[in-house]
Amino acid sequence: MGKVCTALAVIAVLTMILATGMGPVTVAPLTTAKILISRIPLVGNLIDHSWQQLDENIILGLRLPRVCLGLVVGASLAVCGVTMQALVRNNLADPFILGVSSGAAAFATLGMLFGAFSFLGTYSLSISAFIGSAVTIIFVYMISRVRGRINIMQLLLSGVAISMIMDGITSIIKLSAPNALGLHNAEFWMSGSLAGAKWAYLTLPLAVLLICMTVLMINYRGLNLLLLGEESAGALGVNVSRLQKMLVLLTSLMAGVTIAVSGTIGFVGLMVPHFTRLWVGGDHKRVLPVSALLGGILVVWVDVAARCLIAPEEMPVGVLTAVIGGPMFIWMLKKRGGQRA
């Protein structure tokens, strides 16, 4: 466990150095490493400043915030997927199964196309998307409660129903779009993108990820027992009702905050937990941290591909994760099915 996490942490650091230097304008890995180390207190003074100011501006002003955001977004989606799959006891669950992405898309498109949330200022898009996801999950939670407890089947069905309603609202908004450019921007955002990442975008997602990860690691035994079924978990001392409410809150918070800064990036929360379980087993004490690291590394490299494949134009990250993740997921399913056979 410790060796796996250490190895992945080293890979994550190397990924940060390499990915930060890659793009339409390439910066050598050694130069990138020097620029990054130069910003570390005490150690930075020992580095020879032999690079151009343009390289430093590209690395620190444009690329590094984007790579860091990719690590946080990927980790959040992967952890969210692990948690959701434990909650509903279904390995096909993903972070957006409760309709949070549809709610965020409806509010975000309303803001982008008609300026409904322009009074929120610079971060109107992120805030409106988060409000949309929050409104959606409140409705889903209210519908799924039966005699004061969350009914898992009703939770899933209400998530599907609210998601379809929000998708319909989004379609109406897009059909009423006043201009083609606004519609293109809305479609690009909904497809998932890390373009325009700023340091200010990192604070809330990182804080939410650290808090939720800490709470989940503390309750990892409850997640393991929940996979046995509600009755079995309750008999083994788990307060099932309290744990379910906590998991719904945590997954909704992580998914909502992530969508607010990156749009909808699919397949990460579905594929990474599967791959992690094949690698380290089903114990959530191992699955949670390994999934977080793998998810972050995956999203960063997919984002590198998104900005390099058709440079200087960009592809939506969500499109690439679907194109790459779909075949990989099918291959894993076939391999696992062959092993069982």
Protein backbone atom coordinates (compact mmCIF):
# COMPACT_ATOMS: atom_id res chain seq x y z
CA MET A 1 0.00 0.00 0.00
CA GLY A 2 2.66 2.52 1.04
CA LYS A 3 4.90 1.58 -1.90
CA VAL A 4 2.04 1.92 -4.39
CA CYS A 5 1.05 5.37 -3.11
CA THR A 6 4.67 6.51 -3.01
CA ALA A 7 5.25 5.35 -6.58
CA LEU A 8 2.08 7.10 -7.77
CA ALA A 9 3.02 10.28 -5.90
CA VAL A 10 6.40 10.29 -7.69
CA ILE A 11 4.64 9.74 -11.02
CA ALA A 12 2.27 12.62 -10.18
CA VAL A 13 5.24 14.97 -9.55
CA LEU A 14 6.92 13.89 -12.81
CA THR A 15 3.58 14.34 -14.57
CA MET A 16 3.34 17.87 -13.22
CA ILE A 17 6.83 18.74 -14.51
CA LEU A 18 6.40 17.15 -17.94
CA ALA A 19 2.80 18.21 -18.55
CA THR A 20 3.49 21.81 -17.51
CA GLY A 21 6.09 22.12 -20.24
CA MET A 22 3.97 20.57 -23.00
CA GLY A 23 1.68 22.52 -25.30
CA PRO A 24 1.70 24.63 -28.48
CA VAL A 25 4.81 26.33 -27.04
CA THR A 26 7.06 23.63 -25.56
CA VAL A 27 9.32 24.29 -22.58
CA ALA A 28 12.10 21.78 -21.88
CA PRO A 29 11.49 19.55 -18.82
CA LEU A 30 14.76 20.68 -17.18
CA THR A 31 13.82 24.34 -17.63
CA THR A 32 10.33 23.62 -16.30
CA ALA A 33 11.77 21.88 -13.24
CA LYS A 34 14.13 24.81 -12.57
CA ILE A 35 11.27 27.32 -12.83
CA LEU A 36 9.10 25.29 -10.44
CA ILE A 37 11.93 24.72 -7.93
CA SER A 38 12.82 28.41 -8.03
CA ARG A 39 9.46 29.14 -6.39
CA ILE A 40 10.17 26.89 -3.41
CA PRO A 41 11.27 28.94 -0.36
CA LEU A 42 14.96 28.59 0.65
CA VAL A 43 15.72 26.08 -2.13
CA GLY A 44 14.73 28.49 -4.91
CA ASN A 45 17.67 30.82 -4.25
CA LEU A 46 20.11 28.05 -5.21
CA ILE A 47 18.75 27.77 -8.78
CA ASP A 48 20.51 29.57 -11.62
CA HIS A 49 17.96 31.80 -13.41
CA SER A 50 18.99 30.93 -16.96
CA TRP A 51 15.53 30.84 -18.61
CA GLN A 52 13.61 33.49 -20.49
CA GLN A 53 10.85 35.50 -18.81
CA LEU A 54 8.39 34.27 -21.45
CA ASP A 55 8.97 30.66 -20.39
CA GLU A 56 8.36 31.57 -16.75
CA ASN A 57 5.14 33.39 -17.63
CA ILE A 58 3.89 30.39 -19.63
CA ILE A 59 4.76 27.88 -16.90
CA LEU A 60 3.59 29.77 -13.82
CA GLY A 61 0.80 31.85 -15.30
CA LEU A 62 -0.86 29.48 -17.78
CA ARG A 63 0.22 25.85 -17.49
CA LEU A 64 0.85 25.19 -13.79
CA PRO A 65 -2.62 26.29 -12.57
CA ARG A 66 -4.16 24.15 -15.31
CA VAL A 67 -2.12 21.07 -14.40
CA CYS A 68 -2.84 21.51 -10.68
CA LEU A 69 -6.55 21.92 -11.44
CA GLY A 70 -6.40 18.74 -13.54
CA LEU A 71 -4.89 16.81 -10.63
CA VAL A 72 -7.56 18.06 -8.23
CA VAL A 73 -10.45 17.50 -10.67
CA GLY A 74 -9.27 13.99 -11.57
CA ALA A 75 -8.76 13.03 -7.93
CA SER A 76 -12.19 14.39 -6.96
CA LEU A 77 -13.99 12.56 -9.77
CA ALA A 78 -12.24 9.26 -8.97
CA VAL A 79 -12.92 9.49 -5.23
CA CYS A 80 -16.50 10.53 -5.95
CA GLY A 81 -16.92 7.49 -8.20
CA VAL A 82 -15.54 5.13 -5.53
CA THR A 83 -17.89 6.60 -2.92
CA MET A 84 -20.95 6.50 -5.16
CA GLN A 85 -20.33 2.88 -6.12
CA ALA A 86 -20.11 1.94 -2.44
CA LEU A 87 -23.28 3.90 -1.63
CA VAL A 88 -25.47 2.26 -4.28
CA ARG A 89 -23.54 -1.06 -4.25
CA ASN A 90 -23.23 -0.94 -8.03
CA ASN A 91 -19.93 -0.77 -9.92
CA LEU A 92 -21.65 0.99 -12.83
CA ALA A 93 -22.39 4.09 -10.74
CA ASP A 94 -20.49 7.28 -11.53
CA PRO A 95 -20.21 10.73 -9.90
CA PHE A 96 -23.02 12.18 -12.04
CA ILE A 97 -25.63 9.46 -11.46
CA LEU A 98 -27.70 11.72 -9.17
CA GLY A 99 -28.14 14.36 -11.86
CA VAL A 100 -25.70 16.95 -10.53
CA SER A 101 -24.12 17.41 -13.98
CA SER A 102 -27.50 18.01 -15.63
CA GLY A 103 -28.48 20.59 -13.03
CA ALA A 104 -25.14 22.34 -13.34
CA ALA A 105 -25.42 22.37 -17.15
CA ALA A 106 -28.92 23.88 -17.06
CA PHE A 107 -27.94 26.77 -14.80
CA ALA A 108 -24.58 27.32 -16.53
CA THR A 109 -26.10 27.52 -20.01
CA LEU A 110 -28.77 29.88 -18.73
CA GLY A 111 -26.00 32.13 -17.44
CA MET A 112 -23.77 31.86 -20.51
CA LEU A 113 -26.48 32.40 -23.12
CA PHE A 114 -28.74 34.89 -21.37
CA GLY A 115 -26.52 36.42 -18.67
CA ALA A 116 -28.94 35.36 -15.91
CA PHE A 117 -26.16 35.22 -13.32
CA SER A 118 -23.99 38.08 -14.53
CA PHE A 119 -24.57 39.87 -11.21
CA LEU A 120 -22.30 37.26 -9.60
CA GLY A 121 -19.28 38.84 -11.31
CA THR A 122 -16.10 37.16 -12.54
CA TYR A 123 -16.97 33.69 -11.24
CA SER A 124 -20.61 33.73 -12.38
CA LEU A 125 -20.16 30.55 -14.47
CA SER A 126 -18.67 28.49 -11.64
CA ILE A 127 -21.14 29.79 -9.05
CA SER A 128 -24.17 29.27 -11.31
CA ALA A 129 -23.05 25.70 -12.11
CA PHE A 130 -22.61 24.94 -8.42
CA ILE A 131 -26.05 26.40 -7.60
CA GLY A 132 -27.57 24.20 -10.32
CA SER A 133 -25.94 21.06 -8.94
CA ALA A 134 -26.99 21.97 -5.39
CA VAL A 135 -30.63 22.56 -6.40
CA THR A 136 -30.69 19.23 -8.24
CA ILE A 137 -29.29 17.20 -5.35
CA ILE A 138 -31.72 18.82 -2.89
CA PHE A 139 -34.66 17.69 -5.05
CA VAL A 140 -33.20 14.19 -5.47
CA TYR A 141 -32.57 13.88 -1.73
CA MET A 142 -36.10 15.03 -0.83
CA ILE A 143 -37.69 12.55 -3.25
CA SER A 144 -35.50 9.62 -2.15
CA ARG A 145 -36.36 9.85 1.55
CA VAL A 146 -38.74 7.16 2.78
CA ARG A 147 -39.70 7.24 6.48
CA GLY A 148 -36.69 9.39 7.28
CA ARG A 149 -34.20 7.10 5.52
CA ILE A 150 -32.68 7.18 2.04
CA ASN A 151 -34.10 4.48 -0.20
CA ILE A 152 -31.26 3.58 -2.58
CA MET A 153 -33.52 2.47 -5.42
CA GLN A 154 -35.61 5.61 -5.10
CA LEU A 155 -32.40 7.66 -4.94
CA LEU A 156 -31.25 6.26 -8.29
CA LEU A 157 -34.64 6.59 -9.98
CA SER A 158 -35.17 10.14 -8.72
CA GLY A 159 -31.66 11.01 -9.94
CA VAL A 160 -32.53 9.71 -13.42
CA ALA A 161 -35.88 11.57 -13.44
CA ILE A 162 -34.45 14.92 -12.28
CA SER A 163 -31.54 14.51 -14.70
CA MET A 164 -33.95 14.06 -17.62
CA ILE A 165 -35.94 17.13 -16.55
CA MET A 166 -32.78 19.24 -16.32
CA ASP A 167 -31.55 17.95 -19.70
CA GLY A 168 -34.88 18.99 -21.20
CA ILE A 169 -34.55 22.46 -19.68
CA THR A 170 -31.00 22.71 -21.04
CA SER A 171 -32.23 21.79 -24.53
CA ILE A 172 -34.90 24.49 -24.38
CA ILE A 173 -32.31 27.05 -23.31
CA LYS A 174 -29.94 26.04 -26.15
CA LEU A 175 -32.73 26.14 -28.75
CA SER A 176 -33.49 29.70 -27.61
CA ALA A 177 -29.82 30.78 -27.83
CA PRO A 178 -29.55 34.38 -29.10
CA ASN A 179 -26.21 33.79 -30.89
CA ALA A 180 -24.13 30.93 -32.29
CA LEU A 181 -20.93 31.91 -30.42
CA GLY A 182 -22.63 31.67 -27.05
CA LEU A 183 -24.06 28.28 -27.98
CA HIS A 184 -20.59 27.05 -29.04
CA ASN A 185 -19.07 28.22 -25.74
CA ALA A 186 -21.84 26.50 -23.78
CA GLU A 187 -21.37 23.22 -25.67
CA PHE A 188 -17.59 23.38 -25.17
CA TRP A 189 -17.97 23.96 -21.42
CA MET A 190 -20.50 21.12 -21.05
CA SER A 191 -18.06 18.78 -22.80
CA GLY A 192 -15.52 19.42 -20.02
CA SER A 193 -12.47 21.64 -20.21
CA LEU A 194 -9.65 22.98 -18.04
CA ALA A 195 -9.04 25.96 -20.34
CA GLY A 196 -8.91 29.29 -18.56
CA ALA A 197 -7.79 27.72 -15.27
CA LYS A 198 -6.72 30.25 -12.65
CA TRP A 199 -5.10 29.91 -9.24
CA ALA A 200 -8.33 31.25 -7.69
CA TYR A 201 -10.23 28.25 -9.10
CA LEU A 202 -8.07 25.83 -7.10
CA THR A 203 -8.84 26.93 -3.55
CA LEU A 204 -12.39 25.59 -3.10
CA PRO A 205 -12.00 22.28 -5.05
CA LEU A 206 -8.76 21.46 -3.21
CA ALA A 207 -10.25 22.27 0.20
CA VAL A 208 -13.37 20.19 -0.54
CA LEU A 209 -11.25 17.27 -1.80
CA LEU A 210 -9.01 17.25 1.30
CA ILE A 211 -11.94 17.49 3.71
CA CYS A 212 -14.03 14.82 1.95
CA MET A 213 -11.02 12.53 1.56
CA THR A 214 -10.22 12.80 5.26
CA VAL A 215 -13.81 11.99 6.25
CA LEU A 216 -13.96 9.04 3.85
CA MET A 217 -10.64 7.59 5.05
CA ILE A 218 -11.87 7.79 8.63
CA ASN A 219 -15.02 5.88 7.60
CA TYR A 220 -13.39 3.40 5.23
CA ARG A 221 -14.57 0.41 7.31
CA GLY A 222 -18.16 1.61 6.94
CA LEU A 223 -17.71 1.76 3.15
CA ASN A 224 -16.36 -1.80 3.15
CA LEU A 225 -19.27 -3.08 5.23
CA LEU A 226 -21.85 -1.16 3.20
CA LEU A 227 -20.96 -3.34 0.20
CA LEU A 228 -22.32 -6.33 2.14
CA GLY A 229 -25.81 -4.79 2.24
CA GLU A 230 -27.66 -2.47 4.61
CA GLU A 231 -28.84 -5.21 6.97
CA SER A 232 -25.42 -6.83 7.25
CA ALA A 233 -23.71 -3.47 7.77
CA GLY A 234 -26.25 -2.51 10.44
CA ALA A 235 -25.75 -5.84 12.23
CA LEU A 236 -22.00 -5.20 12.28
CA GLY A 237 -22.43 -1.88 14.06
CA VAL A 238 -22.68 0.64 11.18
CA ASN A 239 -25.20 3.46 11.48
CA VAL A 240 -26.40 2.92 7.91
CA SER A 241 -28.79 5.87 7.72
CA ARG A 242 -26.19 8.37 8.98
CA LEU A 243 -23.49 6.93 6.70
CA GLN A 244 -25.73 7.09 3.62
CA LYS A 245 -26.65 10.72 4.28
CA MET A 246 -22.99 11.58 4.76
CA LEU A 247 -21.98 9.85 1.51
CA VAL A 248 -24.72 11.62 -0.47
CA LEU A 249 -23.55 14.95 0.95
CA LEU A 250 -19.86 14.27 0.23
CA THR A 251 -20.35 12.97 -3.32
CA SER A 252 -22.72 15.80 -4.20
CA LEU A 253 -20.35 18.40 -2.80
CA MET A 254 -17.32 16.99 -4.65
CA ALA A 255 -19.20 16.52 -7.92
CA GLY A 256 -20.82 19.95 -7.74
CA VAL A 257 -17.58 21.80 -7.02
CA THR A 258 -15.72 19.85 -9.71
CA ILE A 259 -18.35 20.49 -12.39
CA ALA A 260 -18.34 24.17 -11.46
CA VAL A 261 -14.66 24.56 -12.43
CA SER A 262 -14.27 22.02 -15.25
CA GLY A 263 -17.63 21.14 -16.76
CA THR A 264 -18.60 17.49 -17.19
CA ILE A 265 -15.62 15.15 -17.59
CA GLY A 266 -17.04 11.66 -17.90
CA PHE A 267 -15.66 8.15 -17.50
CA VAL A 268 -12.99 9.10 -14.94
CA GLY A 269 -15.24 8.36 -11.97
CA LEU A 270 -16.42 5.12 -13.58
CA MET A 271 -13.19 3.73 -15.02
CA VAL A 272 -10.55 4.65 -12.42
CA PRO A 273 -12.27 2.87 -9.46
CA HIS A 274 -12.57 -0.31 -11.57
CA PHE A 275 -8.91 -0.23 -12.53
CA THR A 276 -7.91 0.49 -8.93
CA ARG A 277 -9.87 -2.48 -7.56
CA LEU A 278 -8.27 -4.77 -10.16
CA TRP A 279 -4.88 -3.52 -8.98
CA VAL A 280 -5.09 -3.22 -5.18
CA GLY A 281 -8.26 -5.11 -4.23
CA GLY A 282 -11.53 -3.89 -2.74
CA ASP A 283 -10.44 -2.45 0.63
CA HIS A 284 -11.38 1.25 0.60
CA LYS A 285 -8.37 2.09 2.77
CA ARG A 286 -6.29 1.37 -0.35
CA VAL A 287 -8.84 2.12 -3.05
CA LEU A 288 -9.50 5.76 -2.03
CA PRO A 289 -5.92 7.16 -2.10
CA VAL A 290 -4.84 5.09 -5.12
CA SER A 291 -7.95 6.16 -7.07
CA ALA A 292 -7.30 9.81 -6.22
CA LEU A 293 -3.73 9.67 -7.53
CA LEU A 294 -4.65 7.68 -10.65
CA GLY A 295 -7.57 9.97 -11.44
CA GLY A 296 -5.44 13.10 -11.17
CA ILE A 297 -2.66 11.69 -13.36
CA LEU A 298 -5.17 10.50 -15.98
CA VAL A 299 -6.97 13.83 -16.31
CA VAL A 300 -3.70 15.78 -16.59
CA TRP A 301 -2.43 13.62 -19.48
CA VAL A 302 -5.79 13.66 -21.25
CA ASP A 303 -5.75 17.46 -20.95
CA VAL A 304 -2.24 17.52 -22.47
CA ALA A 305 -3.58 15.51 -25.42
CA ALA A 306 -6.58 17.85 -25.67
CA ARG A 307 -4.40 20.93 -26.08
CA CYS A 308 -1.75 19.33 -28.30
CA LEU A 309 -3.64 17.13 -30.80
CA ILE A 310 -5.12 19.98 -32.86
CA ALA A 311 -2.93 22.85 -31.57
CA PRO A 312 -3.40 25.80 -31.44
CA GLU A 313 -7.07 24.82 -31.09
CA GLU A 314 -8.25 22.65 -28.17
CA MET A 315 -10.49 19.64 -27.82
CA PRO A 316 -12.86 19.25 -24.85
CA VAL A 317 -11.32 16.99 -22.21
CA GLY A 318 -14.63 15.21 -21.63
CA VAL A 319 -14.76 14.11 -25.27
CA LEU A 320 -11.29 12.57 -25.07
CA THR A 321 -11.96 10.79 -21.76
CA ALA A 322 -15.01 9.18 -23.37
CA VAL A 323 -13.15 8.21 -26.56
CA ILE A 324 -10.16 6.82 -24.63
CA GLY A 325 -12.00 5.56 -21.55
CA GLY A 326 -14.77 3.67 -23.36
CA PRO A 327 -12.54 1.12 -25.13
CA MET A 328 -10.32 0.74 -22.05
CA PHE A 329 -13.36 0.10 -19.86
CA ILE A 330 -14.69 -2.52 -22.31
CA TRP A 331 -11.27 -4.19 -22.37
CA MET A 332 -11.17 -4.34 -18.57
CA LEU A 333 -14.69 -5.83 -18.46
CA LYS A 334 -13.76 -8.48 -21.00
CA LYS A 335 -10.52 -9.31 -19.20
CA ARG A 336 -12.27 -9.59 -15.85
CA GLY A 337 -15.03 -11.71 -17.38
CA GLY A 338 -12.46 -14.01 -18.98
CA GLN A 339 -10.68 -14.49 -15.65
CA ARG A 340 -13.95 -15.45 -13.91
CA ALA A 341 -14.83 -17.86 -16.70
